[in-house]
Amino acid sequence: MCELMTIAAALFFAALAASRRRAGRPARALGTTALVFTGAALMWSVDCVHSLLEGEGLFDLSADDALLGALVLAAGLALFAILRLREGLAEA
């Protein structure tokens, strides 16, 4: 579950960053957050493949894994808030 959550978050932040860049308003906080979620998704992809090779299921859809995914999303959103706040202070 955490794999799917981080992939969705990476795609969401990457799409937001790309749309802001196309509009001529760069947003480094969005890009950095997208990279963080992409790194987490890659890490869990390796873990999912390893689990599959050991005979387990590809995705862990347990409640504990969903809670871990929610915690990772919360940490990523907190990072985004800090980066965005820092960007705002630098512009002022």
C-alpha atoms as a PDB file:
ATOM      1  CA  MET A   1       0.000   0.000   0.000  1.00  0.00           C
ATOM      2  CA  CYS A   2       2.795   2.418   0.847  1.00  0.00           C
ATOM      3  CA  GLU A   3       4.287   1.762  -2.597  1.00  0.00           C
ATOM      4  CA  LEU A   4       1.080   2.844  -4.310  1.00  0.00           C
ATOM      5  CA  MET A   5       0.713   5.886  -2.049  1.00  0.00           C
ATOM      6  CA  THR A   6       4.237   7.144  -2.739  1.00  0.00           C
ATOM      7  CA  ILE A   7       3.871   6.597  -6.498  1.00  0.00           C
ATOM      8  CA  ALA A   8       0.664   8.640  -6.465  1.00  0.00           C
ATOM      9  CA  ALA A   9       2.316  11.398  -4.416  1.00  0.00           C
ATOM     10  CA  ALA A  10       5.360  11.479  -6.719  1.00  0.00           C
ATOM     11  CA  LEU A  11       3.161  11.774  -9.802  1.00  0.00           C
ATOM     12  CA  PHE A  12       1.022  14.466  -8.172  1.00  0.00           C
ATOM     13  CA  PHE A  13       3.951  16.659  -7.120  1.00  0.00           C
ATOM     14  CA  ALA A  14       5.780  16.125 -10.435  1.00  0.00           C
ATOM     15  CA  ALA A  15       2.676  17.199 -12.365  1.00  0.00           C
ATOM     16  CA  LEU A  16       2.273  20.288 -10.189  1.00  0.00           C
ATOM     17  CA  ALA A  17       5.935  21.207 -10.597  1.00  0.00           C
ATOM     18  CA  ALA A  18       5.764  20.751 -14.369  1.00  0.00           C
ATOM     19  CA  SER A  19       2.639  22.873 -14.692  1.00  0.00           C
ATOM     20  CA  ARG A  20       4.205  25.653 -12.615  1.00  0.00           C
ATOM     21  CA  ARG A  21       7.360  25.545 -14.751  1.00  0.00           C
ATOM     22  CA  ARG A  22       5.286  25.796 -17.941  1.00  0.00           C
ATOM     23  CA  ALA A  23       3.492  28.795 -16.475  1.00  0.00           C
ATOM     24  CA  GLY A  24       6.858  30.477 -15.907  1.00  0.00           C
ATOM     25  CA  ARG A  25       6.659  30.275 -12.115  1.00  0.00           C
ATOM     26  CA  PRO A  26       9.322  27.851 -10.909  1.00  0.00           C
ATOM     27  CA  ALA A  27       8.588  26.048  -7.681  1.00  0.00           C
ATOM     28  CA  ARG A  28      11.647  24.325  -6.272  1.00  0.00           C
ATOM     29  CA  ALA A  29       9.721  23.016  -3.274  1.00  0.00           C
ATOM     30  CA  LEU A  30       7.382  21.063  -5.549  1.00  0.00           C
ATOM     31  CA  GLY A  31      10.266  19.582  -7.533  1.00  0.00           C
ATOM     32  CA  THR A  32      12.215  18.618  -4.434  1.00  0.00           C
ATOM     33  CA  THR A  33       9.164  16.997  -2.865  1.00  0.00           C
ATOM     34  CA  ALA A  34       8.503  15.082  -6.091  1.00  0.00           C
ATOM     35  CA  LEU A  35      12.075  13.770  -5.992  1.00  0.00           C
ATOM     36  CA  VAL A  36      11.688  12.705  -2.361  1.00  0.00           C
ATOM     37  CA  PHE A  37       8.514  10.754  -3.120  1.00  0.00           C
ATOM     38  CA  THR A  38      10.127   9.275  -6.249  1.00  0.00           C
ATOM     39  CA  GLY A  39      13.037   8.039  -4.148  1.00  0.00           C
ATOM     40  CA  ALA A  40      10.648   6.468  -1.651  1.00  0.00           C
ATOM     41  CA  ALA A  41       8.690   4.823  -4.461  1.00  0.00           C
ATOM     42  CA  LEU A  42      11.896   3.391  -5.956  1.00  0.00           C
ATOM     43  CA  MET A  43      12.948   2.070  -2.565  1.00  0.00           C
ATOM     44  CA  TRP A  44       9.613   0.314  -2.070  1.00  0.00           C
ATOM     45  CA  SER A  45       9.693  -0.995  -5.642  1.00  0.00           C
ATOM     46  CA  VAL A  46      12.891  -2.846  -4.805  1.00  0.00           C
ATOM     47  CA  ASP A  47      11.268  -4.156  -1.635  1.00  0.00           C
ATOM     48  CA  CYS A  48       8.160  -5.290  -3.557  1.00  0.00           C
ATOM     49  CA  VAL A  49      10.258  -7.121  -6.161  1.00  0.00           C
ATOM     50  CA  HIS A  50      12.297  -8.757  -3.414  1.00  0.00           C
ATOM     51  CA  SER A  51       9.103  -9.921  -1.715  1.00  0.00           C
ATOM     52  CA  LEU A  52       7.808 -11.276  -5.016  1.00  0.00           C
ATOM     53  CA  LEU A  53      11.035 -13.219  -5.621  1.00  0.00           C
ATOM     54  CA  GLU A  54      10.687 -14.793  -2.168  1.00  0.00           C
ATOM     55  CA  GLY A  55       7.210 -16.050  -3.020  1.00  0.00           C
ATOM     56  CA  GLU A  56       5.142 -13.381  -1.299  1.00  0.00           C
ATOM     57  CA  GLY A  57       2.651 -11.042  -2.927  1.00  0.00           C
ATOM     58  CA  LEU A  58       3.819  -8.067  -4.948  1.00  0.00           C
ATOM     59  CA  PHE A  59       1.970  -5.496  -2.820  1.00  0.00           C
ATOM     60  CA  ASP A  60       1.331  -5.515   0.911  1.00  0.00           C
ATOM     61  CA  LEU A  61      -2.239  -4.281   1.368  1.00  0.00           C
ATOM     62  CA  SER A  62      -2.331  -4.606   5.162  1.00  0.00           C
ATOM     63  CA  ALA A  63      -3.496  -1.918   7.558  1.00  0.00           C
ATOM     64  CA  ASP A  64       0.017  -1.596   8.992  1.00  0.00           C
ATOM     65  CA  ASP A  65       1.433  -0.900   5.541  1.00  0.00           C
ATOM     66  CA  ALA A  66      -1.293   1.669   4.884  1.00  0.00           C
ATOM     67  CA  LEU A  67      -0.409   3.364   8.179  1.00  0.00           C
ATOM     68  CA  LEU A  68       3.264   3.402   7.160  1.00  0.00           C
ATOM     69  CA  GLY A  69       2.293   4.952   3.824  1.00  0.00           C
ATOM     70  CA  ALA A  70       0.214   7.605   5.581  1.00  0.00           C
ATOM     71  CA  LEU A  71       3.167   8.404   7.844  1.00  0.00           C
ATOM     72  CA  VAL A  72       5.481   8.769   4.834  1.00  0.00           C
ATOM     73  CA  LEU A  73       2.943  11.030   3.104  1.00  0.00           C
ATOM     74  CA  ALA A  74       2.669  13.164   6.244  1.00  0.00           C
ATOM     75  CA  ALA A  75       6.459  13.468   6.455  1.00  0.00           C
ATOM     76  CA  GLY A  76       6.650  14.429   2.772  1.00  0.00           C
ATOM     77  CA  LEU A  77       3.932  17.038   3.172  1.00  0.00           C
ATOM     78  CA  ALA A  78       5.725  18.444   6.222  1.00  0.00           C
ATOM     79  CA  LEU A  79       8.910  18.679   4.159  1.00  0.00           C
ATOM     80  CA  PHE A  80       6.992  20.455   1.398  1.00  0.00           C
ATOM     81  CA  ALA A  81       5.556  22.939   3.919  1.00  0.00           C
ATOM     82  CA  ILE A  82       9.014  23.708   5.307  1.00  0.00           C
ATOM     83  CA  LEU A  83      10.528  24.126   1.826  1.00  0.00           C
ATOM     84  CA  ARG A  84       7.649  26.308   0.664  1.00  0.00           C
ATOM     85  CA  LEU A  85       7.900  28.462   3.786  1.00  0.00           C
ATOM     86  CA  ARG A  86      11.623  28.861   3.156  1.00  0.00           C
ATOM     87  CA  GLU A  87      10.926  29.863  -0.464  1.00  0.00           C
ATOM     88  CA  GLY A  88       8.397  32.434   0.707  1.00  0.00           C
ATOM     89  CA  LEU A  89      10.828  33.943   3.195  1.00  0.00           C
ATOM     90  CA  ALA A  90      13.557  34.124   0.535  1.00  0.00           C
ATOM     91  CA  GLU A  91      11.218  36.016  -1.831  1.00  0.00           C
ATOM     92  CA  ALA A  92      10.290  38.589   0.792  1.00  0.00           C
END
